[in-house]
Protein backbone atom coordinates (compact mmCIF):
# COMPACT_ATOMS: atom_id res chain seq x y z
CA MET A 1 -32.38 -21.43 1.21
CA THR A 2 -32.58 -24.84 -0.51
CA ALA A 3 -29.40 -26.51 -1.67
CA ASP A 4 -30.52 -26.28 -5.35
CA ARG A 5 -31.08 -22.53 -5.34
CA VAL A 6 -28.66 -19.65 -5.29
CA ASP A 7 -28.60 -17.56 -2.18
CA HIS A 8 -28.84 -14.12 -3.91
CA ARG A 9 -28.49 -12.15 -0.74
CA SER A 10 -25.01 -13.55 -0.17
CA ILE A 11 -24.07 -13.16 -3.83
CA GLY A 12 -25.30 -9.54 -3.78
CA ILE A 13 -23.07 -8.78 -0.80
CA LEU A 14 -20.20 -10.48 -2.57
CA GLY A 15 -21.02 -8.61 -5.74
CA LEU A 16 -20.77 -5.29 -3.93
CA VAL A 17 -17.43 -6.42 -2.48
CA THR A 18 -16.19 -7.26 -6.08
CA ILE A 19 -17.35 -3.88 -7.42
CA VAL A 20 -15.71 -1.95 -4.68
CA THR A 21 -12.50 -3.87 -4.58
CA TYR A 22 -11.91 -3.64 -8.36
CA GLY A 23 -13.33 -0.18 -8.80
CA SER A 24 -11.63 1.72 -5.97
CA TRP A 25 -8.23 1.54 -7.39
CA TYR A 26 -7.76 -0.88 -10.28
CA TYR A 27 -10.22 1.01 -12.35
CA ALA A 28 -10.20 4.49 -10.53
CA PHE A 29 -6.53 4.80 -11.05
CA GLY A 30 -6.95 5.37 -14.81
CA VAL A 31 -9.22 8.31 -14.12
CA LEU A 32 -6.99 9.71 -11.38
CA PHE A 33 -3.74 9.41 -13.28
CA ASP A 34 -3.82 12.77 -15.10
CA PRO A 35 -5.24 14.78 -12.18
CA ILE A 36 -2.47 13.47 -9.85
CA ARG A 37 0.30 14.09 -12.45
CA THR A 38 -1.00 17.70 -13.17
CA ASP A 39 -1.32 18.44 -9.44
CA THR A 40 1.91 17.01 -8.17
CA GLY A 41 4.27 17.19 -11.06
CA TRP A 42 5.24 13.59 -10.67
CA SER A 43 6.40 11.89 -13.82
CA GLU A 44 4.04 9.61 -15.85
CA ALA A 45 6.75 6.79 -15.47
CA ALA A 46 6.77 7.04 -11.62
CA LEU A 47 2.99 6.93 -11.46
CA ALA A 48 2.80 4.02 -13.85
CA LEU A 49 5.47 2.32 -11.87
CA SER A 50 3.37 2.57 -8.67
CA PHE A 51 0.54 0.57 -10.55
CA SER A 52 3.02 -1.99 -11.92
CA ILE A 53 4.59 -2.55 -8.50
CA GLY A 54 1.12 -3.03 -6.97
CA THR A 55 0.10 -5.41 -9.71
CA VAL A 56 3.21 -7.66 -9.21
CA ALA A 57 2.82 -7.56 -5.39
CA LEU A 58 -0.80 -8.49 -5.75
CA GLY A 59 -0.07 -11.57 -7.75
CA LEU A 60 2.50 -12.77 -5.22
CA VAL A 61 0.43 -12.15 -2.18
CA SER A 62 -2.88 -13.55 -3.66
CA ILE A 63 -1.56 -17.03 -2.84
CA GLY A 64 -1.44 -16.05 0.76
CA GLY A 65 -4.97 -14.57 0.46
CA GLY A 66 -6.32 -17.91 -0.63
CA ARG A 67 -4.58 -19.75 2.14
CA LEU A 68 -5.76 -17.24 4.63
CA LEU A 69 -9.41 -17.87 3.45
CA ASP A 70 -8.86 -21.68 3.94
CA ARG A 71 -7.49 -21.16 7.40
CA THR A 72 -9.65 -18.45 8.93
CA GLY A 73 -12.74 -18.08 6.68
CA ALA A 74 -14.20 -15.15 4.86
CA ARG A 75 -14.61 -12.73 7.66
CA THR A 76 -10.94 -12.18 8.31
CA VAL A 77 -10.19 -11.86 4.63
CA LEU A 78 -12.83 -9.21 4.07
CA LEU A 79 -11.80 -7.37 7.09
CA LEU A 80 -8.15 -7.23 5.95
CA ALA A 81 -9.31 -5.94 2.42
CA GLY A 82 -11.48 -3.34 3.92
CA ILE A 83 -9.29 -1.93 6.74
CA GLY A 84 -5.98 -2.48 4.88
CA GLY A 85 -7.20 -1.23 1.55
CA GLY A 86 -8.96 1.87 3.02
CA ALA A 87 -5.86 2.76 5.21
CA ALA A 88 -3.59 2.40 2.19
CA LEU A 89 -5.81 4.55 -0.01
CA ALA A 90 -5.92 7.19 2.73
CA LEU A 91 -2.07 7.09 2.86
CA THR A 92 -1.94 7.56 -0.87
CA SER A 93 -4.22 10.67 -0.67
CA PHE A 94 -2.01 12.30 1.89
CA ALA A 95 1.32 11.53 0.01
CA THR A 96 3.54 14.52 -0.54
CA SER A 97 6.47 12.57 -2.07
CA ILE A 98 6.33 10.08 -4.97
CA VAL A 99 7.92 7.49 -2.69
CA ALA A 100 5.04 7.65 -0.21
CA PHE A 101 2.55 7.66 -3.01
CA VAL A 102 4.09 4.49 -4.53
CA ILE A 103 4.09 2.71 -1.21
CA GLY A 104 0.41 3.67 -0.53
CA ALA A 105 -0.64 2.72 -4.10
CA ALA A 106 1.07 -0.63 -4.05
CA LEU A 107 -0.49 -1.47 -0.59
CA ALA A 108 -3.83 -0.50 -1.71
CA MET A 109 -3.58 -2.93 -4.76
CA VAL A 110 -2.26 -5.63 -2.51
CA PHE A 111 -5.02 -5.44 0.20
CA LEU A 112 -7.91 -4.96 -2.15
CA GLY A 113 -6.71 -7.44 -4.80
CA ALA A 114 -5.15 -10.21 -2.72
CA PHE A 115 -8.09 -10.31 -0.30
CA GLY A 116 -11.12 -9.07 -2.36
CA PHE A 117 -10.67 -9.90 -6.04
CA TYR A 118 -12.54 -12.81 -7.85
CA HIS A 119 -10.27 -15.55 -6.47
CA THR A 120 -11.51 -15.03 -2.97
CA THR A 121 -15.11 -13.86 -3.65
CA MET A 122 -15.79 -16.75 -6.07
CA THR A 123 -14.57 -19.17 -3.50
CA MET A 124 -16.77 -17.64 -0.86
CA ALA A 125 -19.71 -17.80 -3.40
CA VAL A 126 -19.13 -21.47 -4.16
CA ARG A 127 -18.91 -22.38 -0.38
CA LEU A 128 -22.08 -20.55 0.33
CA ASN A 129 -23.88 -22.13 -2.61
CA PRO A 130 -22.58 -25.73 -2.67
CA GLY A 131 -25.66 -26.97 -4.56
CA ARG A 132 -25.21 -24.50 -7.44
CA PRO A 133 -21.63 -23.50 -7.70
CA SER A 134 -21.56 -22.72 -11.39
CA ARG A 135 -24.66 -20.55 -11.09
CA ALA A 136 -23.26 -18.60 -8.08
CA ILE A 137 -20.09 -17.86 -10.01
CA ALA A 138 -22.11 -16.75 -13.08
CA VAL A 139 -24.33 -14.33 -11.04
CA LEU A 140 -21.24 -13.03 -9.17
CA THR A 141 -19.47 -12.33 -12.44
CA ILE A 142 -22.46 -10.27 -13.65
CA TRP A 143 -22.20 -8.16 -10.52
CA GLY A 144 -18.49 -7.70 -10.97
CA ALA A 145 -19.01 -6.45 -14.49
CA PHE A 146 -20.47 -3.21 -13.13
CA ALA A 147 -17.29 -2.16 -11.45
CA SER A 148 -15.97 -0.18 -14.32
CA ALA A 149 -19.44 1.04 -15.23
CA VAL A 150 -19.89 2.41 -11.72
CA TYR A 151 -16.44 3.60 -10.80
CA LEU A 152 -15.14 5.26 -13.91
CA PRO A 153 -17.85 7.84 -14.20
CA ALA A 154 -18.23 8.19 -10.43
CA THR A 155 -14.55 8.82 -9.96
CA ALA A 156 -14.38 11.37 -12.82
CA ALA A 157 -17.36 13.30 -11.41
CA LEU A 158 -15.69 13.46 -7.99
CA VAL A 159 -12.36 14.58 -9.31
CA ASP A 160 -14.16 17.36 -11.32
CA ARG A 161 -15.93 18.61 -8.18
CA LEU A 162 -13.23 17.85 -5.42
CA ALA A 163 -9.79 17.26 -6.97
CA TRP A 164 -8.03 14.03 -6.56
CA ARG A 165 -7.05 13.86 -2.91
CA PRO A 166 -10.56 14.24 -1.55
CA THR A 167 -11.83 11.83 -4.20
CA VAL A 168 -9.34 9.12 -2.97
CA ARG A 169 -10.32 9.69 0.65
CA ILE A 170 -14.04 9.16 -0.37
CA LEU A 171 -13.04 6.02 -2.21
CA ALA A 172 -11.05 4.88 0.93
CA ALA A 173 -14.13 5.50 3.13
CA VAL A 174 -16.41 3.52 0.83
CA VAL A 175 -13.94 0.54 0.89
CA VAL A 176 -13.97 0.55 4.67
CA VAL A 177 -17.74 0.82 5.06
CA VAL A 178 -18.77 -1.67 2.29
CA LEU A 179 -16.15 -4.37 3.09
CA VAL A 180 -16.45 -4.19 6.90
CA ALA A 181 -20.24 -4.31 6.58
CA ALA A 182 -19.87 -7.30 4.23
CA ALA A 183 -17.68 -9.11 6.78
CA LEU A 184 -20.33 -8.71 9.41
CA LEU A 185 -23.43 -9.38 7.39
CA LEU A 186 -22.22 -12.20 5.21
CA PRO A 187 -22.57 -15.70 6.59
CA ASP A 188 -19.15 -17.02 7.09
CA PRO A 189 -18.80 -19.95 4.73
CA PRO A 190 -17.07 -23.02 6.05
CA SER A 191 -13.29 -23.23 5.64
CA ARG A 192 -11.98 -26.05 3.51
CA PRO A 193 -11.78 -29.01 5.69
CA ARG A 194 -8.43 -30.13 6.47
CA PRO A 195 -7.46 -33.77 5.79
CA VAL A 196 -7.50 -35.87 8.90
CA PRO A 197 -4.48 -38.25 9.06
CA GLN A 198 -5.70 -41.79 9.29
CA ALA A 199 -4.04 -44.11 11.82
CA ARG A 200 -1.82 -46.67 10.20
CA ARG A 201 -2.89 -50.20 10.56
CA PRO A 202 -0.28 -52.47 12.27
CA VAL A 203 1.33 -54.69 9.60
CA ARG A 204 0.74 -58.30 10.45
CA PRO A 205 3.52 -60.84 9.90
C-alpha cells in the first residue's frame, strides 16, 4: 500500500469495529428498552438511569482509553473492548435485579465506548494511513454511519423472535467475535512516539 492511498482493508476492519461497538448497546438499547421493562417490571427511570450512568462513565474513562492506545497500541485496546464489552453484555442479559442490570449496562457502555468508539478507531485509522489521514477518517465515518441502520432492525427482529435476554447474548457474542478478530487481523499501528529527553549542554562560563 503506497503512502498516498488509503488502506481500505484496515479501514474496513475498523469500520466493522465501529458498527459493532456503537450498535451493540448505544443503539440497541433503544430497541430493548420496552421489552426489558415489560418483562422485568423495572421502572423506566431505573432503566434510563443505567444508560445515563454508562454515558457519564464512558466520558470519564475515554481519556484512559486514548492513553492506553498511545502506550500499548491498538491490539490491547480492541481486546479490552471485545472481551470486556462482551462479558458486560452477558452479565446484563442474566441480571435478575435492577442493580445487577445497571452495573452490567454501565460496564458495557464503558468497555465498548471508551475502547471502541471513534476517538480510538479514528486514531488507529490515521496511524495506519499517515499519507491520507483525512481520507481515512472520511471513509471510516461512512462505515460508522451504518451502525444504526444495521443494529436497529436487526435487534428488533431478534427481540421479536427470541425475547430480550437471548438477543443481548447474541449481541455479546458478536462483540467478542468481531473485536477479537479485528485485534488479531488488524496491523497494529505504531504507538505515538514518546519524546526523548535531550541531554543538556554544559553551560560554559
